[in-house]
PDB file of N, CA and C in Angstrom:
ATOM      1  N   MET A   1       0.655  -1.412  -0.385  1.00  0.00           N
ATOM      2  CA  MET A   1      -0.260  -0.077   0.199  1.00  0.00           C
ATOM      3  C   MET A   1       0.751   1.065  -0.078  1.00  0.00           C
ATOM      4  N   GLU A   2       1.786   1.354   1.008  1.00  0.00           N
ATOM      5  CA  GLU A   2       2.486   2.454   0.688  1.00  0.00           C
ATOM      6  C   GLU A   2       3.296   2.953  -0.705  1.00  0.00           C
ATOM      7  N   PHE A   3       3.950   1.378  -1.133  1.00  0.00           N
ATOM      8  CA  PHE A   3       4.579   1.628  -2.071  1.00  0.00           C
ATOM      9  C   PHE A   3       3.868   2.173  -2.920  1.00  0.00           C
ATOM     10  N   ALA A   4       2.904   2.193  -3.300  1.00  0.00           N
ATOM     11  CA  ALA A   4       1.655   2.883  -4.384  1.00  0.00           C
ATOM     12  C   ALA A   4       1.372   3.939  -4.046  1.00  0.00           C
ATOM     13  N   LEU A   5       1.461   4.243  -3.227  1.00  0.00           N
ATOM     14  CA  LEU A   5       1.621   5.688  -2.277  1.00  0.00           C
ATOM     15  C   LEU A   5       2.414   6.638  -2.935  1.00  0.00           C
ATOM     16  N   VAL A   6       3.729   6.079  -3.040  1.00  0.00           N
ATOM     17  CA  VAL A   6       5.064   6.861  -3.042  1.00  0.00           C
ATOM     18  C   VAL A   6       5.663   6.489  -4.346  1.00  0.00           C
ATOM     19  N   SER A   7       5.267   5.749  -5.306  1.00  0.00           N
ATOM     20  CA  SER A   7       5.492   5.146  -6.433  1.00  0.00           C
ATOM     21  C   SER A   7       5.512   5.845  -7.636  1.00  0.00           C
ATOM     22  N   GLY A   8       4.370   6.926  -7.465  1.00  0.00           N
ATOM     23  CA  GLY A   8       4.547   8.005  -8.603  1.00  0.00           C
ATOM     24  C   GLY A   8       5.269   8.959  -8.218  1.00  0.00           C
ATOM     25  N   ALA A   9       5.927   9.671  -6.961  1.00  0.00           N
ATOM     26  CA  ALA A   9       6.703  10.397  -7.070  1.00  0.00           C
ATOM     27  C   ALA A   9       7.914   9.745  -7.038  1.00  0.00           C
ATOM     28  N   PHE A  10       8.240   8.583  -6.831  1.00  0.00           N
ATOM     29  CA  PHE A  10       9.648   8.021  -7.144  1.00  0.00           C
ATOM     30  C   PHE A  10      10.071   7.848  -8.748  1.00  0.00           C
ATOM     31  N   ILE A  11       9.032   7.397  -8.854  1.00  0.00           N
ATOM     32  CA  ILE A  11       9.753   7.384 -10.638  1.00  0.00           C
ATOM     33  C   ILE A  11       9.804   8.320 -11.435  1.00  0.00           C
ATOM     34  N   THR A  12       9.215   9.477 -10.799  1.00  0.00           N
ATOM     35  CA  THR A  12       9.119  10.793 -11.313  1.00  0.00           C
ATOM     36  C   THR A  12      10.251  11.455 -11.261  1.00  0.00           C
ATOM     37  N   PHE A  13      11.110  10.982 -10.176  1.00  0.00           N
ATOM     38  CA  PHE A  13      12.050  11.957  -9.235  1.00  0.00           C
ATOM     39  C   PHE A  13      13.016  11.074 -10.178  1.00  0.00           C
ATOM     40  N   VAL A  14      13.117   9.586 -10.693  1.00  0.00           N
ATOM     41  CA  VAL A  14      14.190   8.719 -10.965  1.00  0.00           C
ATOM     42  C   VAL A  14      14.428   9.516 -12.323  1.00  0.00           C
ATOM     43  N   PHE A  15      13.508   9.639 -13.092  1.00  0.00           N
ATOM     44  CA  PHE A  15      13.551   9.978 -14.482  1.00  0.00           C
ATOM     45  C   PHE A  15      13.784  11.139 -14.728  1.00  0.00           C
ATOM     46  N   GLY A  16      13.233  12.271 -13.622  1.00  0.00           N
ATOM     47  CA  GLY A  16      14.060  13.743 -13.638  1.00  0.00           C
ATOM     48  C   GLY A  16      15.599  13.528 -13.562  1.00  0.00           C
ATOM     49  N   VAL A  17      16.205  12.505 -12.453  1.00  0.00           N
ATOM     50  CA  VAL A  17      17.777  12.858 -12.526  1.00  0.00           C
ATOM     51  C   VAL A  17      18.281  12.230 -13.498  1.00  0.00           C
ATOM     52  N   ILE A  18      17.637  11.145 -14.240  1.00  0.00           N
ATOM     53  CA  ILE A  18      18.124  10.758 -15.729  1.00  0.00           C
ATOM     54  C   ILE A  18      18.329  12.084 -16.723  1.00  0.00           C
ATOM     55  N   ASN A  19      17.477  12.889 -16.451  1.00  0.00           N
ATOM     56  CA  ASN A  19      17.075  13.363 -17.927  1.00  0.00           C
ATOM     57  C   ASN A  19      17.906  14.695 -17.343  1.00  0.00           C
ATOM     58  N   LEU A  20      18.210  14.895 -15.924  1.00  0.00           N
ATOM     59  CA  LEU A  20      19.120  15.799 -15.892  1.00  0.00           C
ATOM     60  C   LEU A  20      20.523  15.573 -16.176  1.00  0.00           C
ATOM     61  N   GLY A  21      21.258  14.363 -16.097  1.00  0.00           N
ATOM     62  CA  GLY A  21      22.653  13.899 -16.661  1.00  0.00           C
ATOM     63  C   GLY A  21      22.055  14.313 -17.840  1.00  0.00           C
ATOM     64  N   ILE A  22      21.303  13.718 -18.609  1.00  0.00           N
ATOM     65  CA  ILE A  22      21.286  14.074 -20.120  1.00  0.00           C
ATOM     66  C   ILE A  22      21.363  15.765 -20.509  1.00  0.00           C
ATOM     67  N   ILE A  23      20.751  16.287 -19.816  1.00  0.00           N
ATOM     68  CA  ILE A  23      20.741  17.693 -20.025  1.00  0.00           C
ATOM     69  C   ILE A  23      22.063  18.238 -20.044  1.00  0.00           C
ATOM     70  N   THR A  24      22.658  17.989 -18.722  1.00  0.00           N
ATOM     71  CA  THR A  24      24.104  18.086 -18.591  1.00  0.00           C
ATOM     72  C   THR A  24      25.339  17.892 -19.573  1.00  0.00           C
ATOM     73  N   TYR A  25      25.143  16.405 -19.761  1.00  0.00           N
ATOM     74  CA  TYR A  25      25.607  15.847 -20.914  1.00  0.00           C
ATOM     75  C   TYR A  25      25.795  16.845 -22.570  1.00  0.00           C
ATOM     76  N   THR A  26      24.799  17.133 -22.782  1.00  0.00           N
ATOM     77  CA  THR A  26      24.586  17.674 -23.869  1.00  0.00           C
ATOM     78  C   THR A  26      24.782  18.914 -23.778  1.00  0.00           C
ATOM     79  N   ASN A  27      24.961  19.693 -22.595  1.00  0.00           N
ATOM     80  CA  ASN A  27      25.353  21.187 -22.056  1.00  0.00           C
ATOM     81  C   ASN A  27      26.751  21.391 -22.754  1.00  0.00           C
ATOM     82  N   ALA A  28      27.582  20.089 -21.814  1.00  0.00           N
ATOM     83  CA  ALA A  28      28.861  19.920 -21.966  1.00  0.00           C
ATOM     84  C   ALA A  28      29.179  19.889 -23.508  1.00  0.00           C
ATOM     85  N   GLY A  29      28.434  18.806 -24.026  1.00  0.00           N
ATOM     86  CA  GLY A  29      28.918  18.674 -25.395  1.00  0.00           C
ATOM     87  C   GLY A  29      28.746  19.708 -26.436  1.00  0.00           C
ATOM     88  N   VAL A  30      27.813  20.495 -26.174  1.00  0.00           N
ATOM     89  CA  VAL A  30      27.726  21.835 -26.872  1.00  0.00           C
ATOM     90  C   VAL A  30      29.008  22.715 -26.503  1.00  0.00           C
ATOM     91  N   HIS A  31      29.286  22.967 -25.309  1.00  0.00           N
ATOM     92  CA  HIS A  31      30.507  23.803 -25.209  1.00  0.00           C
ATOM     93  C   HIS A  31      31.730  23.212 -25.822  1.00  0.00           C
ATOM     94  N   TRP A  32      31.835  22.126 -25.621  1.00  0.00           N
ATOM     95  CA  TRP A  32      33.022  21.297 -26.353  1.00  0.00           C
ATOM     96  C   TRP A  32      33.319  21.305 -28.068  1.00  0.00           C
ATOM     97  N   ALA A  33      32.265  21.233 -28.345  1.00  0.00           N
ATOM     98  CA  ALA A  33      32.299  21.568 -29.804  1.00  0.00           C
ATOM     99  C   ALA A  33      32.539  22.496 -30.476  1.00  0.00           C
ATOM    100  N   VAL A  34      31.972  23.675 -29.138  1.00  0.00           N
ATOM    101  CA  VAL A  34      32.399  25.139 -29.653  1.00  0.00           C
ATOM    102  C   VAL A  34      34.220  25.213 -29.601  1.00  0.00           C
ATOM    103  N   GLU A  35      34.245  24.543 -28.479  1.00  0.00           N
ATOM    104  CA  GLU A  35      35.928  24.880 -28.272  1.00  0.00           C
ATOM    105  C   GLU A  35      36.872  24.002 -29.051  1.00  0.00           C
ATOM    106  N   ARG A  36      36.359  22.814 -29.473  1.00  0.00           N
ATOM    107  CA  ARG A  36      36.985  22.336 -30.979  1.00  0.00           C
ATOM    108  C   ARG A  36      37.147  23.335 -31.723  1.00  0.00           C
ATOM    109  N   ALA A  37      35.717  23.779 -32.472  1.00  0.00           N
ATOM    110  CA  ALA A  37      36.298  24.098 -33.556  1.00  0.00           C
ATOM    111  C   ALA A  37      36.992  25.839 -33.590  1.00  0.00           C
ATOM    112  N   SER A  38      36.920  26.257 -31.964  1.00  0.00           N
ATOM    113  CA  SER A  38      37.984  27.419 -31.752  1.00  0.00           C
ATOM    114  C   SER A  38      39.394  27.226 -32.146  1.00  0.00           C
ATOM    115  N   ARG A  39      40.018  25.860 -32.412  1.00  0.00           N
ATOM    116  CA  ARG A  39      40.926  25.608 -32.130  1.00  0.00           C
ATOM    117  C   ARG A  39      40.879  25.494 -33.811  1.00  0.00           C
ATOM    118  N   LEU A  40      40.430  25.174 -34.951  1.00  0.00           N
ATOM    119  CA  LEU A  40      40.661  24.914 -35.586  1.00  0.00           C
ATOM    120  C   LEU A  40      40.431  26.758 -35.889  1.00  0.00           C
ATOM    121  N   ALA A  41      39.887  26.877 -35.905  1.00  0.00           N
ATOM    122  CA  ALA A  41      40.093  29.112 -36.436  1.00  0.00           C
ATOM    123  C   ALA A  41      41.228  29.292 -35.893  1.00  0.00           C
ATOM    124  N   THR A  42      41.603  29.116 -34.553  1.00  0.00           N
ATOM    125  CA  THR A  42      42.924  29.413 -34.206  1.00  0.00           C
ATOM    126  C   THR A  42      43.908  29.068 -34.766  1.00  0.00           C
ATOM    127  N   ILE A  43      44.041  27.709 -35.139  1.00  0.00           N
ATOM    128  CA  ILE A  43      45.506  27.055 -36.497  1.00  0.00           C
ATOM    129  C   ILE A  43      45.062  27.548 -37.925  1.00  0.00           C
ATOM    130  N   SER A  44      43.638  28.077 -38.451  1.00  0.00           N
ATOM    131  CA  SER A  44      44.047  27.889 -39.782  1.00  0.00           C
ATOM    132  C   SER A  44      43.066  29.380 -40.028  1.00  0.00           C
ATOM    133  N   ASN A  45      43.933  30.438 -40.374  1.00  0.00           N
ATOM    134  CA  ASN A  45      43.019  31.552 -40.952  1.00  0.00           C
ATOM    135  C   ASN A  45      42.603  31.589 -42.129  1.00  0.00           C
ATOM    136  N   THR A  46      42.065  30.502 -42.750  1.00  0.00           N
ATOM    137  CA  THR A  46      41.278  30.019 -43.809  1.00  0.00           C
ATOM    138  C   THR A  46      40.458  29.752 -43.681  1.00  0.00           C
ATOM    139  N   ALA A  47      40.145  29.260 -42.410  1.00  0.00           N
ATOM    140  CA  ALA A  47      38.363  28.114 -41.797  1.00  0.00           C
ATOM    141  C   ALA A  47      37.403  29.470 -42.241  1.00  0.00           C
ATOM    142  N   THR A  48      36.389  28.424 -42.754  1.00  0.00           N
ATOM    143  CA  THR A  48      34.999  29.358 -43.474  1.00  0.00           C
ATOM    144  C   THR A  48      33.922  28.914 -42.350  1.00  0.00           C
ATOM    145  N   GLN A  49      32.952  29.341 -42.428  1.00  0.00           N
ATOM    146  CA  GLN A  49      31.767  29.005 -41.969  1.00  0.00           C
ATOM    147  C   GLN A  49      31.246  27.508 -42.171  1.00  0.00           C
ATOM    148  N   SER A  50      31.646  27.017 -43.477  1.00  0.00           N
ATOM    149  CA  SER A  50      31.096  25.797 -43.407  1.00  0.00           C
ATOM    150  C   SER A  50      31.937  24.870 -42.980  1.00  0.00           C
ATOM    151  N   ASP A  51      33.549  25.139 -42.987  1.00  0.00           N
ATOM    152  CA  ASP A  51      34.745  24.110 -42.044  1.00  0.00           C
ATOM    153  C   ASP A  51      33.929  24.266 -40.671  1.00  0.00           C
ATOM    154  N   ILE A  52      33.760  25.527 -39.603  1.00  0.00           N
ATOM    155  CA  ILE A  52      33.413  25.682 -38.434  1.00  0.00           C
ATOM    156  C   ILE A  52      32.057  24.687 -38.019  1.00  0.00           C
ATOM    157  N   ASN A  53      31.254  25.469 -39.274  1.00  0.00           N
ATOM    158  CA  ASN A  53      29.717  24.343 -38.797  1.00  0.00           C
ATOM    159  C   ASN A  53      30.024  22.625 -38.985  1.00  0.00           C
ATOM    160  N   THR A  54      30.388  22.631 -39.979  1.00  0.00           N
ATOM    161  CA  THR A  54      31.303  20.675 -40.176  1.00  0.00           C
ATOM    162  C   THR A  54      32.003  20.642 -38.883  1.00  0.00           C
ATOM    163  N   SER A  55      32.941  20.949 -38.103  1.00  0.00           N
ATOM    164  CA  SER A  55      33.561  20.912 -37.364  1.00  0.00           C
ATOM    165  C   SER A  55      32.924  20.195 -35.969  1.00  0.00           C
ATOM    166  N   VAL A  56      31.813  21.620 -35.773  1.00  0.00           N
ATOM    167  CA  VAL A  56      30.706  21.659 -34.315  1.00  0.00           C
ATOM    168  C   VAL A  56      29.769  20.391 -34.451  1.00  0.00           C
ATOM    169  N   ASN A  57      29.185  20.206 -35.519  1.00  0.00           N
ATOM    170  CA  ASN A  57      28.117  19.524 -36.004  1.00  0.00           C
ATOM    171  C   ASN A  57      28.464  17.742 -36.543  1.00  0.00           C
ATOM    172  N   ASN A  58      29.739  17.698 -36.548  1.00  0.00           N
ATOM    173  CA  ASN A  58      30.512  16.167 -36.484  1.00  0.00           C
ATOM    174  C   ASN A  58      30.611  15.894 -35.405  1.00  0.00           C
ATOM    175  N   TYR A  59      31.518  16.868 -34.193  1.00  0.00           N
ATOM    176  CA  TYR A  59      31.262  16.252 -33.027  1.00  0.00           C
ATOM    177  C   TYR A  59      29.997  16.021 -32.395  1.00  0.00           C
ATOM    178  N   LEU A  60      29.496  16.693 -32.251  1.00  0.00           N
ATOM    179  CA  LEU A  60      28.214  16.777 -32.064  1.00  0.00           C
ATOM    180  C   LEU A  60      27.373  15.460 -31.983  1.00  0.00           C
ATOM    181  N   SER A  61      27.397  15.202 -33.648  1.00  0.00           N
ATOM    182  CA  SER A  61      26.895  13.813 -33.961  1.00  0.00           C
ATOM    183  C   SER A  61      27.558  12.423 -33.241  1.00  0.00           C
ATOM    184  N   SER A  62      28.887  12.756 -33.337  1.00  0.00           N
ATOM    185  CA  SER A  62      29.845  11.580 -32.436  1.00  0.00           C
ATOM    186  C   SER A  62      29.267  11.059 -31.515  1.00  0.00           C
ATOM    187  N   LEU A  63      28.722  12.134 -30.648  1.00  0.00           N
ATOM    188  CA  LEU A  63      28.370  12.184 -28.934  1.00  0.00           C
ATOM    189  C   LEU A  63      26.803  11.591 -29.181  1.00  0.00           C
ATOM    190  N   GLY A  64      26.112  12.136 -30.453  1.00  0.00           N
ATOM    191  CA  GLY A  64      24.791  11.290 -30.235  1.00  0.00           C
ATOM    192  C   GLY A  64      23.847  12.418 -30.011  1.00  0.00           C
ATOM    193  N   ILE A  65      24.171  13.786 -30.334  1.00  0.00           N
ATOM    194  CA  ILE A  65      23.803  14.957 -30.257  1.00  0.00           C
ATOM    195  C   ILE A  65      22.963  15.260 -31.579  1.00  0.00           C
ATOM    196  N   ALA A  66      21.983  16.143 -31.531  1.00  0.00           N
ATOM    197  CA  ALA A  66      21.380  16.803 -32.791  1.00  0.00           C
ATOM    198  C   ALA A  66      22.116  18.104 -33.653  1.00  0.00           C
ATOM    199  N   SER A  67      22.306  18.299 -34.346  1.00  0.00           N
ATOM    200  CA  SER A  67      22.904  19.168 -34.800  1.00  0.00           C
ATOM    201  C   SER A  67      22.491  20.768 -34.336  1.00  0.00           C
ATOM    202  N   ALA A  68      23.395  21.488 -34.395  1.00  0.00           N
ATOM    203  CA  ALA A  68      23.594  22.923 -33.570  1.00  0.00           C
ATOM    204  C   ALA A  68      23.154  23.600 -34.955  1.00  0.00           C
ATOM    205  N   THR A  69      23.114  25.160 -34.962  1.00  0.00           N
ATOM    206  CA  THR A  69      22.841  25.982 -35.627  1.00  0.00           C
ATOM    207  C   THR A  69      24.144  27.102 -35.214  1.00  0.00           C
ATOM    208  N   VAL A  70      25.122  27.036 -36.293  1.00  0.00           N
ATOM    209  CA  VAL A  70      26.610  27.636 -36.160  1.00  0.00           C
ATOM    210  C   VAL A  70      26.775  29.100 -36.389  1.00  0.00           C
ATOM    211  N   SER A  71      27.460  30.016 -35.963  1.00  0.00           N
ATOM    212  CA  SER A  71      27.381  31.397 -36.412  1.00  0.00           C
ATOM    213  C   SER A  71      28.587  31.489 -36.019  1.00  0.00           C
ATOM    214  N   TYR A  72      29.501  32.085 -37.332  1.00  0.00           N
ATOM    215  CA  TYR A  72      30.749  31.859 -37.038  1.00  0.00           C
ATOM    216  C   TYR A  72      31.449  33.705 -38.034  1.00  0.00           C
ATOM    217  N   THR A  73      31.481  34.794 -37.299  1.00  0.00           N
ATOM    218  CA  THR A  73      32.301  35.806 -37.732  1.00  0.00           C
ATOM    219  C   THR A  73      33.542  36.324 -37.515  1.00  0.00           C
ATOM    220  N   VAL A  74      34.374  36.897 -38.558  1.00  0.00           N
ATOM    221  CA  VAL A  74      35.432  37.742 -37.920  1.00  0.00           C
ATOM    222  C   VAL A  74      35.483  39.328 -37.935  1.00  0.00           C
ATOM    223  N   ALA A  75      35.958  39.468 -36.888  1.00  0.00           N
ATOM    224  CA  ALA A  75      35.966  41.156 -36.586  1.00  0.00           C
ATOM    225  C   ALA A  75      37.348  41.448 -37.187  1.00  0.00           C
ATOM    226  N   ALA A  76      37.551  42.774 -37.839  1.00  0.00           N
ATOM    227  CA  ALA A  76      38.640  42.774 -38.370  1.00  0.00           C
ATOM    228  C   ALA A  76      39.889  43.467 -37.184  1.00  0.00           C
ATOM    229  N   GLY A  77      41.062  43.445 -37.347  1.00  0.00           N
ATOM    230  CA  GLY A  77      41.901  43.470 -36.510  1.00  0.00           C
ATOM    231  C   GLY A  77      43.296  43.365 -36.039  1.00  0.00           C
ATOM    232  N   THR A  78      44.002  43.464 -35.246  1.00  0.00           N
ATOM    233  CA  THR A  78      45.360  43.096 -35.415  1.00  0.00           C
ATOM    234  C   THR A  78      45.521  42.116 -34.206  1.00  0.00           C
ATOM    235  N   PRO A  79      45.613  40.703 -33.833  1.00  0.00           N
ATOM    236  CA  PRO A  79      44.827  40.276 -34.651  1.00  0.00           C
ATOM    237  C   PRO A  79      43.594  40.087 -34.934  1.00  0.00           C
ATOM    238  N   PRO A  80      43.065  39.526 -36.265  1.00  0.00           N
ATOM    239  CA  PRO A  80      41.402  39.417 -36.454  1.00  0.00           C
ATOM    240  C   PRO A  80      40.846  38.445 -35.113  1.00  0.00           C
ATOM    241  N   ILE A  81      39.527  38.811 -34.796  1.00  0.00           N
ATOM    242  CA  ILE A  81      39.439  37.874 -33.723  1.00  0.00           C
ATOM    243  C   ILE A  81      37.914  37.547 -34.577  1.00  0.00           C
ATOM    244  N   ALA A  82      38.000  35.768 -33.967  1.00  0.00           N
ATOM    245  CA  ALA A  82      36.756  35.416 -34.662  1.00  0.00           C
ATOM    246  C   ALA A  82      35.937  34.978 -33.388  1.00  0.00           C
ATOM    247  N   HIS A  83      34.356  34.829 -33.796  1.00  0.00           N
ATOM    248  CA  HIS A  83      33.452  34.612 -32.788  1.00  0.00           C
ATOM    249  C   HIS A  83      32.881  33.199 -33.355  1.00  0.00           C
ATOM    250  N   ILE A  84      32.736  32.515 -32.492  1.00  0.00           N
ATOM    251  CA  ILE A  84      31.952  31.336 -32.989  1.00  0.00           C
ATOM    252  C   ILE A  84      31.080  30.599 -31.961  1.00  0.00           C
ATOM    253  N   GLY A  85      29.475  30.742 -32.399  1.00  0.00           N
ATOM    254  CA  GLY A  85      28.388  30.659 -31.366  1.00  0.00           C
ATOM    255  C   GLY A  85      27.733  29.585 -32.470  1.00  0.00           C
ATOM    256  N   ALA A  86      27.409  28.643 -31.009  1.00  0.00           N
ATOM    257  CA  ALA A  86      25.938  27.455 -31.440  1.00  0.00           C
ATOM    258  C   ALA A  86      24.664  27.292 -30.348  1.00  0.00           C
ATOM    259  N   THR A  87      24.042  27.399 -31.126  1.00  0.00           N
ATOM    260  CA  THR A  87      22.805  26.803 -30.055  1.00  0.00           C
ATOM    261  C   THR A  87      21.549  25.673 -30.576  1.00  0.00           C
ATOM    262  N   LEU A  88      21.439  25.512 -29.891  1.00  0.00           N
ATOM    263  CA  LEU A  88      20.768  24.114 -29.843  1.00  0.00           C
ATOM    264  C   LEU A  88      19.358  23.980 -29.086  1.00  0.00           C
ATOM    265  N   SER A  89      18.297  23.309 -29.250  1.00  0.00           N
ATOM    266  CA  SER A  89      17.188  23.185 -28.650  1.00  0.00           C
ATOM    267  C   SER A  89      16.360  22.098 -28.938  1.00  0.00           C
ATOM    268  N   ARG A  90      16.272  21.313 -26.945  1.00  0.00           N
ATOM    269  CA  ARG A  90      15.749  20.148 -27.144  1.00  0.00           C
ATOM    270  C   ARG A  90      14.667  20.011 -26.321  1.00  0.00           C
ATOM    271  N   SER A  91      14.067  19.329 -26.682  1.00  0.00           N
ATOM    272  CA  SER A  91      12.920  19.089 -25.487  1.00  0.00           C
ATOM    273  C   SER A  91      12.728  17.244 -24.607  1.00  0.00           C
ATOM    274  N   TYR A  92      12.600  17.717 -23.906  1.00  0.00           N
ATOM    275  CA  TYR A  92      12.358  16.607 -22.903  1.00  0.00           C
ATOM    276  C   TYR A  92      11.297  16.069 -22.119  1.00  0.00           C
ATOM    277  N   SER A  93      10.682  14.869 -21.904  1.00  0.00           N
ATOM    278  CA  SER A  93       9.271  14.600 -21.725  1.00  0.00           C
ATOM    279  C   SER A  93       9.976  13.465 -20.137  1.00  0.00           C
ATOM    280  N   ILE A  94       9.072  13.960 -18.882  1.00  0.00           N
ATOM    281  CA  ILE A  94       9.307  13.496 -17.311  1.00  0.00           C
ATOM    282  C   ILE A  94       7.751  12.930 -17.177  1.00  0.00           C
ATOM    283  N   PRO A  95       7.615  11.907 -16.326  1.00  0.00           N
ATOM    284  CA  PRO A  95       6.181  11.361 -16.106  1.00  0.00           C
ATOM    285  C   PRO A  95       5.923  12.481 -15.157  1.00  0.00           C
ATOM    286  N   PHE A  96       4.643  12.426 -15.181  1.00  0.00           N
ATOM    287  CA  PHE A  96       3.580  13.672 -14.650  1.00  0.00           C
ATOM    288  C   PHE A  96       4.053  15.146 -14.446  1.00  0.00           C
ATOM    289  N   VAL A  97       4.800  15.525 -15.334  1.00  0.00           N
ATOM    290  CA  VAL A  97       5.670  16.758 -15.505  1.00  0.00           C
ATOM    291  C   VAL A  97       5.756  17.292 -16.919  1.00  0.00           C
ATOM    292  N   PRO A  98       5.248  18.567 -17.397  1.00  0.00           N
ATOM    293  CA  PRO A  98       5.382  19.157 -18.228  1.00  0.00           C
ATOM    294  C   PRO A  98       6.154  19.221 -19.693  1.00  0.00           C
ATOM    295  N   THR A  99       6.162  19.147 -20.438  1.00  0.00           N
ATOM    296  CA  THR A  99       7.506  18.458 -21.136  1.00  0.00           C
ATOM    297  C   THR A  99       8.288  20.212 -20.984  1.00  0.00           C
ATOM    298  N   LEU A 100       9.565  19.803 -20.604  1.00  0.00           N
ATOM    299  CA  LEU A 100      10.417  20.928 -20.930  1.00  0.00           C
ATOM    300  C   LEU A 100      11.414  21.115 -22.428  1.00  0.00           C
ATOM    301  N   THR A 101      11.536  22.277 -22.644  1.00  0.00           N
ATOM    302  CA  THR A 101      12.381  22.858 -23.937  1.00  0.00           C
ATOM    303  C   THR A 101      13.434  23.566 -23.111  1.00  0.00           C
ATOM    304  N   ILE A 102      14.541  22.753 -23.451  1.00  0.00           N
ATOM    305  CA  ILE A 102      16.169  23.219 -22.855  1.00  0.00           C
ATOM    306  C   ILE A 102      16.508  23.712 -24.357  1.00  0.00           C
ATOM    307  N   ASN A 103      17.183  25.371 -24.215  1.00  0.00           N
ATOM    308  CA  ASN A 103      17.786  25.893 -25.144  1.00  0.00           C
ATOM    309  C   ASN A 103      19.340  26.128 -25.034  1.00  0.00           C
ATOM    310  N   TYR A 104      20.081  25.426 -25.376  1.00  0.00           N
ATOM    311  CA  TYR A 104      21.474  25.496 -25.145  1.00  0.00           C
ATOM    312  C   TYR A 104      22.249  26.313 -26.071  1.00  0.00           C
ATOM    313  N   ALA A 105      23.409  27.363 -25.362  1.00  0.00           N
ATOM    314  CA  ALA A 105      24.325  28.110 -25.978  1.00  0.00           C
ATOM    315  C   ALA A 105      25.426  28.138 -25.587  1.00  0.00           C
ATOM    316  N   ALA A 106      26.217  28.291 -26.782  1.00  0.00           N
ATOM    317  CA  ALA A 106      27.984  28.433 -26.146  1.00  0.00           C
ATOM    318  C   ALA A 106      28.504  28.931 -27.250  1.00  0.00           C
ATOM    319  N   ASP A 107      29.446  29.827 -26.861  1.00  0.00           N
ATOM    320  CA  ASP A 107      30.138  31.029 -27.525  1.00  0.00           C
ATOM    321  C   ASP A 107      31.622  31.371 -27.202  1.00  0.00           C
ATOM    322  N   THR A 108      32.526  31.485 -28.328  1.00  0.00           N
ATOM    323  CA  THR A 108      34.097  31.839 -27.708  1.00  0.00           C
ATOM    324  C   THR A 108      33.869  33.071 -28.486  1.00  0.00           C
ATOM    325  N   TYR A 109      35.579  33.733 -28.009  1.00  0.00           N
ATOM    326  CA  TYR A 109      36.116  34.385 -29.080  1.00  0.00           C
ATOM    327  C   TYR A 109      37.749  34.129 -28.892  1.00  0.00           C
ATOM    328  N   VAL A 110      38.254  33.990 -30.232  1.00  0.00           N
ATOM    329  CA  VAL A 110      39.555  33.349 -30.279  1.00  0.00           C
ATOM    330  C   VAL A 110      40.312  34.316 -31.394  1.00  0.00           C
ATOM    331  N   PRO A 111      41.446  34.448 -31.623  1.00  0.00           N
ATOM    332  CA  PRO A 111      42.570  35.221 -32.460  1.00  0.00           C
ATOM    333  C   PRO A 111      42.524  34.627 -33.026  1.00  0.00           C
ATOM    334  N   LEU A 112      42.481  34.885 -34.594  1.00  0.00           N
ATOM    335  CA  LEU A 112      43.112  33.929 -35.554  1.00  0.00           C
ATOM    336  C   LEU A 112      44.070  33.771 -36.122  1.00  0.00           C
ATOM    337  N   GLY A 113      44.526  32.637 -36.454  1.00  0.00           N
ATOM    338  CA  GLY A 113      46.029  32.115 -36.729  1.00  0.00           C
ATOM    339  C   GLY A 113      46.584  33.108 -37.861  1.00  0.00           C
ATOM    340  N   SER A 114      47.939  32.900 -38.130  1.00  0.00           N
ATOM    341  CA  SER A 114      48.319  33.562 -38.897  1.00  0.00           C
ATOM    342  C   SER A 114      48.800  32.987 -40.338  1.00  0.00           C
TER     343      SER A 114
END
């Protein structure tokens, strides 16, 4: 009888903890993908939007995470500074809780290579 009363809350808690782990994993993956792309921009001043986009999304794909929207801009200066950003939106379902939609964003600024 007691288990029947507590099981709903317990199952919600367990699924909530599992989804929290998945959310943290996805957030770390997006940030790490942007950092990897920043290394590409740092060592190669000929990197294009397509190269950066491919770098970010290939890494996310290797982690089993959906593709992100990637932006890449270069500000003139000495040295030129590249801005790389990525955004990703995912929805999560937990029993007895409304669907959660989490928006992930990561960005970095790096000097371009010579």
